[in-house]
Amino acid sequence: MPNKQASIKHLRQTKKRQAHNDKLKSYIKFLTNASKKALDAKNFEEAKTHITRFQQIMDKAVKVGIVKKNKASRKKSSLMKSLAKAGK
């Protein structure tokens, strides 16, 4: 446990930020899995809404620095490709 007041505040801020980042990463995983399940069930409208929301959240996560840019583009591309393939 830190002794200085500034260190204590920094630790408190870090825990708060980490909790927010973990929550966002968890939501990203949920959206990924939900869209894949919707595609497997041939529910294209639900899958499309999940993928759209996924893209928005990933862009925000990249902007903040939670997810790297190339990983986000790779994941978005993969989901869009699977949506296009399932729609045929």
C-alpha atoms as a PDB file:
ATOM      1  CA  MET A   1       0.000   0.000   0.000  1.00  0.00           C
ATOM      2  CA  PRO A   2       1.445   3.391  -0.959  1.00  0.00           C
ATOM      3  CA  ASN A   3       2.307   5.951   1.685  1.00  0.00           C
ATOM      4  CA  LYS A   4       2.011   9.233  -0.195  1.00  0.00           C
ATOM      5  CA  GLN A   5      -1.383  10.796  -0.764  1.00  0.00           C
ATOM      6  CA  ALA A   6      -0.740  11.186  -4.498  1.00  0.00           C
ATOM      7  CA  SER A   7       0.170   7.505  -4.780  1.00  0.00           C
ATOM      8  CA  ILE A   8      -2.992   6.510  -2.969  1.00  0.00           C
ATOM      9  CA  LYS A   9      -5.036   8.645  -5.368  1.00  0.00           C
ATOM     10  CA  HIS A  10      -3.206   7.185  -8.365  1.00  0.00           C
ATOM     11  CA  LEU A  11      -3.953   3.654  -7.155  1.00  0.00           C
ATOM     12  CA  ARG A  12      -7.622   4.547  -6.718  1.00  0.00           C
ATOM     13  CA  GLN A  13      -7.781   6.017 -10.222  1.00  0.00           C
ATOM     14  CA  THR A  14      -6.032   3.003 -11.717  1.00  0.00           C
ATOM     15  CA  LYS A  15      -8.505   0.590 -10.136  1.00  0.00           C
ATOM     16  CA  LYS A  16     -11.426   2.642 -11.413  1.00  0.00           C
ATOM     17  CA  ARG A  17     -10.024   2.801 -14.944  1.00  0.00           C
ATOM     18  CA  GLN A  18      -9.181  -0.898 -14.963  1.00  0.00           C
ATOM     19  CA  ALA A  19     -12.714  -1.787 -13.880  1.00  0.00           C
ATOM     20  CA  HIS A  20     -14.133   0.341 -16.716  1.00  0.00           C
ATOM     21  CA  ASN A  21     -11.763  -1.207 -19.274  1.00  0.00           C
ATOM     22  CA  ASP A  22     -12.584  -4.743 -18.119  1.00  0.00           C
ATOM     23  CA  LYS A  23     -16.296  -3.995 -18.385  1.00  0.00           C
ATOM     24  CA  LEU A  24     -15.842  -2.681 -21.921  1.00  0.00           C
ATOM     25  CA  LYS A  25     -13.770  -5.712 -22.973  1.00  0.00           C
ATOM     26  CA  SER A  26     -16.415  -7.999 -21.522  1.00  0.00           C
ATOM     27  CA  TYR A  27     -19.123  -6.179 -23.492  1.00  0.00           C
ATOM     28  CA  ILE A  28     -17.052  -6.560 -26.666  1.00  0.00           C
ATOM     29  CA  LYS A  29     -16.817 -10.315 -26.084  1.00  0.00           C
ATOM     30  CA  PHE A  30     -20.561 -10.475 -25.433  1.00  0.00           C
ATOM     31  CA  LEU A  31     -21.357  -8.658 -28.682  1.00  0.00           C
ATOM     32  CA  THR A  32     -19.004 -10.916 -30.632  1.00  0.00           C
ATOM     33  CA  ASN A  33     -20.548 -14.089 -29.255  1.00  0.00           C
ATOM     34  CA  ALA A  34     -24.103 -12.784 -29.591  1.00  0.00           C
ATOM     35  CA  SER A  35     -23.597 -11.872 -33.231  1.00  0.00           C
ATOM     36  CA  LYS A  36     -22.033 -15.266 -33.996  1.00  0.00           C
ATOM     37  CA  LYS A  37     -24.935 -17.071 -32.303  1.00  0.00           C
ATOM     38  CA  ALA A  38     -27.433 -14.959 -34.226  1.00  0.00           C
ATOM     39  CA  LEU A  39     -25.669 -15.805 -37.483  1.00  0.00           C
ATOM     40  CA  ASP A  40     -25.723 -19.502 -36.640  1.00  0.00           C
ATOM     41  CA  ALA A  41     -29.451 -19.260 -35.928  1.00  0.00           C
ATOM     42  CA  LYS A  42     -29.995 -17.474 -39.287  1.00  0.00           C
ATOM     43  CA  ASN A  43     -31.298 -14.404 -37.448  1.00  0.00           C
ATOM     44  CA  PHE A  44     -29.721 -11.794 -39.721  1.00  0.00           C
ATOM     45  CA  GLU A  45     -31.469  -8.689 -38.383  1.00  0.00           C
ATOM     46  CA  GLU A  46     -30.346  -9.379 -34.819  1.00  0.00           C
ATOM     47  CA  ALA A  47     -26.842 -10.212 -36.023  1.00  0.00           C
ATOM     48  CA  LYS A  48     -26.674  -6.978 -37.985  1.00  0.00           C
ATOM     49  CA  THR A  49     -27.665  -4.884 -34.954  1.00  0.00           C
ATOM     50  CA  HIS A  50     -25.105  -6.674 -32.779  1.00  0.00           C
ATOM     51  CA  ILE A  51     -22.374  -6.192 -35.366  1.00  0.00           C
ATOM     52  CA  THR A  52     -23.208  -2.504 -35.785  1.00  0.00           C
ATOM     53  CA  ARG A  53     -23.035  -1.982 -32.032  1.00  0.00           C
ATOM     54  CA  PHE A  54     -19.798  -4.011 -31.955  1.00  0.00           C
ATOM     55  CA  GLN A  55     -18.238  -1.704 -34.538  1.00  0.00           C
ATOM     56  CA  GLN A  56     -19.193   1.392 -32.559  1.00  0.00           C
ATOM     57  CA  ILE A  57     -17.800   0.005 -29.305  1.00  0.00           C
ATOM     58  CA  MET A  58     -14.578  -1.159 -30.970  1.00  0.00           C
ATOM     59  CA  ASP A  59     -13.999   2.262 -32.521  1.00  0.00           C
ATOM     60  CA  LYS A  60     -14.431   3.898 -29.126  1.00  0.00           C
ATOM     61  CA  ALA A  61     -12.128   1.342 -27.509  1.00  0.00           C
ATOM     62  CA  VAL A  62      -9.454   2.074 -30.117  1.00  0.00           C
ATOM     63  CA  LYS A  63      -9.813   5.802 -29.571  1.00  0.00           C
ATOM     64  CA  VAL A  64      -9.291   5.408 -25.824  1.00  0.00           C
ATOM     65  CA  GLY A  65      -6.483   2.871 -26.264  1.00  0.00           C
ATOM     66  CA  ILE A  66      -8.130  -0.236 -24.812  1.00  0.00           C
ATOM     67  CA  VAL A  67      -7.845  -2.195 -28.071  1.00  0.00           C
ATOM     68  CA  LYS A  68      -5.202  -1.810 -30.759  1.00  0.00           C
ATOM     69  CA  LYS A  69      -6.238  -0.468 -34.150  1.00  0.00           C
ATOM     70  CA  ASN A  70      -5.290  -3.516 -36.223  1.00  0.00           C
ATOM     71  CA  LYS A  71      -7.012  -5.934 -33.863  1.00  0.00           C
ATOM     72  CA  ALA A  72     -10.208  -3.893 -34.071  1.00  0.00           C
ATOM     73  CA  SER A  73     -10.140  -3.767 -37.858  1.00  0.00           C
ATOM     74  CA  ARG A  74      -9.394  -7.492 -38.044  1.00  0.00           C
ATOM     75  CA  LYS A  75     -12.316  -8.382 -35.750  1.00  0.00           C
ATOM     76  CA  LYS A  76     -14.726  -6.042 -37.541  1.00  0.00           C
ATOM     77  CA  SER A  77     -13.687  -7.395 -40.921  1.00  0.00           C
ATOM     78  CA  SER A  78     -14.103 -10.977 -39.752  1.00  0.00           C
ATOM     79  CA  LEU A  79     -17.615 -10.376 -38.448  1.00  0.00           C
ATOM     80  CA  MET A  80     -18.684  -8.485 -41.557  1.00  0.00           C
ATOM     81  CA  LYS A  81     -17.293 -11.242 -43.755  1.00  0.00           C
ATOM     82  CA  SER A  82     -19.214 -13.886 -41.817  1.00  0.00           C
ATOM     83  CA  LEU A  83     -22.405 -11.780 -42.087  1.00  0.00           C
ATOM     84  CA  ALA A  84     -21.972 -11.454 -45.847  1.00  0.00           C
ATOM     85  CA  LYS A  85     -21.250 -15.172 -46.199  1.00  0.00           C
ATOM     86  CA  ALA A  86     -24.282 -16.159 -44.120  1.00  0.00           C
ATOM     87  CA  GLY A  87     -26.542 -13.772 -46.014  1.00  0.00           C
ATOM     88  CA  LYS A  88     -25.934 -15.507 -49.351  1.00  0.00           C
END
